[in-house]
Amino acid sequence: MRFGGHQPKARIFRKLKAETQREVYQSVLQHVRTCLNRGPYNVLELRANLTPEQAGALPMALTTLAQAGEIAALGHSVYARVPWMPATRTVKTSPIEDLVFASLTEHETASEIATWLGLSVVEVRESLAALERAGLIEERLDPRRPNRYRIVSPHMAKHIRQGAQDRTFTDIARHG
């Protein structure tokens, strides 16, 4: 399923009036909470049907909710609501990287992604660099079209992750 073609280009959040920022930010927080109460969602599913102003607030809202421990990344740009429990460790996630990674299904350059997500080109380039270091994306090897990125092939991604997608992880925490 492709979500990018039907979603609006984001308005840059920091350029909105303060009152609009508050309203939009609160509406996006509520939207994400409502969606994730139903179950896990991909970041592009969370972005679907948002207004351009709301789409610009989505990275900040996801970051706030993740830092608060309300949501967690499950991998592959999927987020889920975290049931309340005493914190055992800090939830580490990067919603901006997840949005940039998911955007590569529709866009290839940092400037295209930045415009579509309403982020700065610097933020997008930093995310692309991190994703490239993680082995999830690569720059296309076409000298006529430089600075274009793509998701690595599933076979190569599996090799880079050393088969982690096929492993079974066991909960080894002490409970009680």
Protein backbone atom coordinates (compact mmCIF):
# COMPACT_ATOMS: atom_id res chain seq x y z
CA MET A 1 0.00 0.00 0.00
CA ARG A 2 1.36 3.42 -0.93
CA PHE A 3 0.50 6.38 1.26
CA GLY A 4 2.76 9.11 -0.15
CA GLY A 5 0.83 10.05 -3.28
CA HIS A 6 -2.35 11.02 -1.42
CA GLN A 7 -0.77 12.94 1.43
CA PRO A 8 -0.25 16.69 1.42
CA LYS A 9 3.05 18.48 1.59
CA ALA A 10 3.60 19.58 5.18
CA ARG A 11 3.59 23.21 6.26
CA ILE A 12 6.68 24.07 8.27
CA PHE A 13 5.58 23.95 11.90
CA ARG A 14 7.90 26.64 13.24
CA LYS A 15 6.53 29.11 10.67
CA LEU A 16 2.95 28.84 11.98
CA LYS A 17 1.54 31.41 14.40
CA ALA A 18 1.94 30.44 18.07
CA GLU A 19 -1.81 29.92 18.58
CA THR A 20 -2.03 27.75 15.46
CA GLN A 21 1.02 25.78 16.62
CA ARG A 22 -0.65 24.98 19.96
CA GLU A 23 -3.93 23.94 18.35
CA VAL A 24 -2.32 21.84 15.64
CA TYR A 25 0.15 20.21 18.03
CA GLN A 26 -2.63 19.23 20.47
CA SER A 27 -4.79 17.86 17.65
CA VAL A 28 -1.90 15.73 16.36
CA LEU A 29 -1.15 14.39 19.85
CA GLN A 30 -4.80 13.38 20.16
CA HIS A 31 -4.83 11.90 16.64
CA VAL A 32 -1.77 9.72 17.34
CA ARG A 33 -3.14 8.56 20.72
CA THR A 34 -6.53 7.70 19.17
CA CYS A 35 -4.94 5.77 16.30
CA LEU A 36 -2.53 3.85 18.53
CA ASN A 37 -5.31 2.91 20.95
CA ARG A 38 -6.62 0.75 18.08
CA GLY A 39 -3.26 -0.90 17.50
CA PRO A 40 0.16 -0.37 15.89
CA TYR A 41 0.44 2.06 12.97
CA ASN A 42 3.10 2.82 10.38
CA VAL A 43 4.22 6.49 10.39
CA LEU A 44 2.71 7.06 6.95
CA GLU A 45 -0.60 5.65 8.19
CA LEU A 46 -0.42 8.11 11.09
CA ARG A 47 0.31 10.91 8.60
CA ALA A 48 -2.59 10.00 6.30
CA ASN A 49 -5.55 12.40 6.33
CA LEU A 50 -3.68 15.08 8.26
CA THR A 51 -3.88 18.69 7.12
CA PRO A 52 -0.61 20.25 5.90
CA GLU A 53 -0.30 22.06 9.26
CA GLN A 54 -0.81 18.82 11.19
CA ALA A 55 1.66 16.95 8.98
CA GLY A 56 4.27 19.57 9.91
CA ALA A 57 3.59 18.96 13.63
CA LEU A 58 3.75 15.15 13.39
CA PRO A 59 7.53 14.74 13.92
CA MET A 60 7.43 16.88 17.07
CA ALA A 61 4.33 15.09 18.40
CA LEU A 62 5.84 11.63 17.83
CA THR A 63 9.08 12.71 19.49
CA THR A 64 7.22 14.09 22.52
CA LEU A 65 5.10 10.94 22.92
CA ALA A 66 8.15 8.67 22.55
CA GLN A 67 10.21 10.65 25.07
CA ALA A 68 7.28 10.56 27.48
CA GLY A 69 7.16 6.77 27.12
CA GLU A 70 3.60 6.80 25.75
CA ILE A 71 4.58 5.22 22.43
CA ALA A 72 7.42 3.04 21.21
CA ALA A 73 8.87 2.14 17.85
CA LEU A 74 8.44 -1.51 17.00
CA GLY A 75 10.78 -1.32 14.00
CA HIS A 76 10.08 -0.81 10.31
CA SER A 77 8.58 2.63 11.08
CA VAL A 78 5.72 1.11 13.12
CA TYR A 79 4.63 2.66 16.42
CA ALA A 80 2.47 1.30 19.22
CA ARG A 81 1.00 2.66 22.43
CA VAL A 82 2.95 1.58 25.50
CA PRO A 83 0.85 0.32 28.42
CA TRP A 84 1.66 2.14 31.64
CA MET A 85 4.35 0.52 33.72
CA PRO A 86 7.28 1.67 35.83
CA ALA A 87 10.05 2.75 33.50
CA THR A 88 12.76 0.11 33.17
CA ARG A 89 14.81 1.95 30.54
CA THR A 90 14.57 4.99 28.34
CA VAL A 91 12.57 4.46 25.17
CA LYS A 92 14.94 5.22 22.32
CA THR A 93 13.43 6.02 18.98
CA SER A 94 13.80 8.49 16.16
CA PRO A 95 10.47 9.48 14.62
CA ILE A 96 12.21 11.85 12.20
CA GLU A 97 14.42 9.03 10.91
CA ASP A 98 11.36 6.79 10.61
CA LEU A 99 9.48 9.44 8.65
CA VAL A 100 12.48 10.02 6.37
CA PHE A 101 12.92 6.26 5.86
CA ALA A 102 9.24 5.80 5.02
CA SER A 103 9.36 8.81 2.68
CA LEU A 104 11.89 7.01 0.50
CA THR A 105 9.00 4.99 -0.90
CA GLU A 106 7.92 8.15 -2.75
CA HIS A 107 10.87 10.57 -2.79
CA GLU A 108 14.60 10.23 -3.48
CA THR A 109 16.39 13.44 -2.50
CA ALA A 110 16.87 15.24 0.80
CA SER A 111 15.20 18.37 -0.55
CA GLU A 112 12.14 16.46 -1.83
CA ILE A 113 11.76 14.69 1.52
CA ALA A 114 12.31 17.90 3.51
CA THR A 115 9.67 19.73 1.49
CA TRP A 116 7.18 16.88 1.79
CA LEU A 117 7.67 16.43 5.55
CA GLY A 118 8.06 20.11 6.41
CA LEU A 119 11.52 19.56 7.90
CA SER A 120 14.81 21.29 7.23
CA VAL A 121 17.15 19.80 4.65
CA VAL A 122 19.80 19.56 7.38
CA GLU A 123 17.51 17.38 9.56
CA VAL A 124 16.72 15.14 6.60
CA ARG A 125 20.38 14.81 5.59
CA GLU A 126 21.32 13.86 9.17
CA SER A 127 18.59 11.22 9.16
CA LEU A 128 19.67 9.92 5.75
CA ALA A 129 23.26 9.66 7.01
CA ALA A 130 22.13 7.74 10.11
CA LEU A 131 19.98 5.41 8.00
CA GLU A 132 22.88 4.87 5.61
CA ARG A 133 25.23 4.06 8.54
CA ALA A 134 22.62 1.57 9.79
CA GLY A 135 22.66 -0.11 6.37
CA LEU A 136 18.99 0.53 5.64
CA ILE A 137 19.45 2.87 2.69
CA GLU A 138 22.08 3.62 0.09
CA GLU A 139 22.89 6.36 -2.34
CA ARG A 140 22.04 5.45 -5.92
CA LEU A 141 25.12 4.81 -8.03
CA ASP A 142 24.11 7.02 -10.94
CA PRO A 143 26.57 9.90 -11.50
CA ARG A 144 24.02 11.69 -13.70
CA ARG A 145 21.57 11.81 -10.76
CA PRO A 146 23.61 12.39 -7.57
CA ASN A 147 22.33 12.65 -3.99
CA ARG A 148 19.42 10.28 -4.53
CA TYR A 149 18.74 7.57 -2.00
CA ARG A 150 16.86 4.29 -1.98
CA ILE A 151 16.02 1.57 0.48
CA VAL A 152 18.42 -1.34 0.16
CA SER A 153 17.03 -4.54 -1.29
CA PRO A 154 15.28 -6.88 1.17
CA HIS A 155 18.02 -9.46 0.60
CA MET A 156 20.78 -6.96 1.36
CA ALA A 157 18.85 -5.51 4.34
CA LYS A 158 18.54 -9.00 5.80
CA HIS A 159 22.26 -9.58 5.27
CA ILE A 160 23.14 -6.23 6.87
CA ARG A 161 20.89 -6.90 9.87
CA GLN A 162 22.47 -10.36 10.05
CA GLY A 163 19.11 -12.05 9.92
CA ALA A 164 17.69 -10.24 12.96
CA GLN A 165 14.22 -10.28 11.41
CA ASP A 166 14.18 -14.08 11.66
CA ARG A 167 15.34 -14.28 15.27
CA THR A 168 13.08 -14.87 18.24
CA PHE A 169 13.64 -12.52 21.15
CA THR A 170 12.80 -13.61 24.67
CA ASP A 171 11.79 -11.39 27.58
CA ILE A 172 14.52 -11.93 30.17
CA ALA A 173 13.53 -9.18 32.60
CA ARG A 174 12.72 -10.16 36.16
CA HIS A 175 9.03 -9.79 36.90
CA GLY A 176 8.33 -9.57 40.60
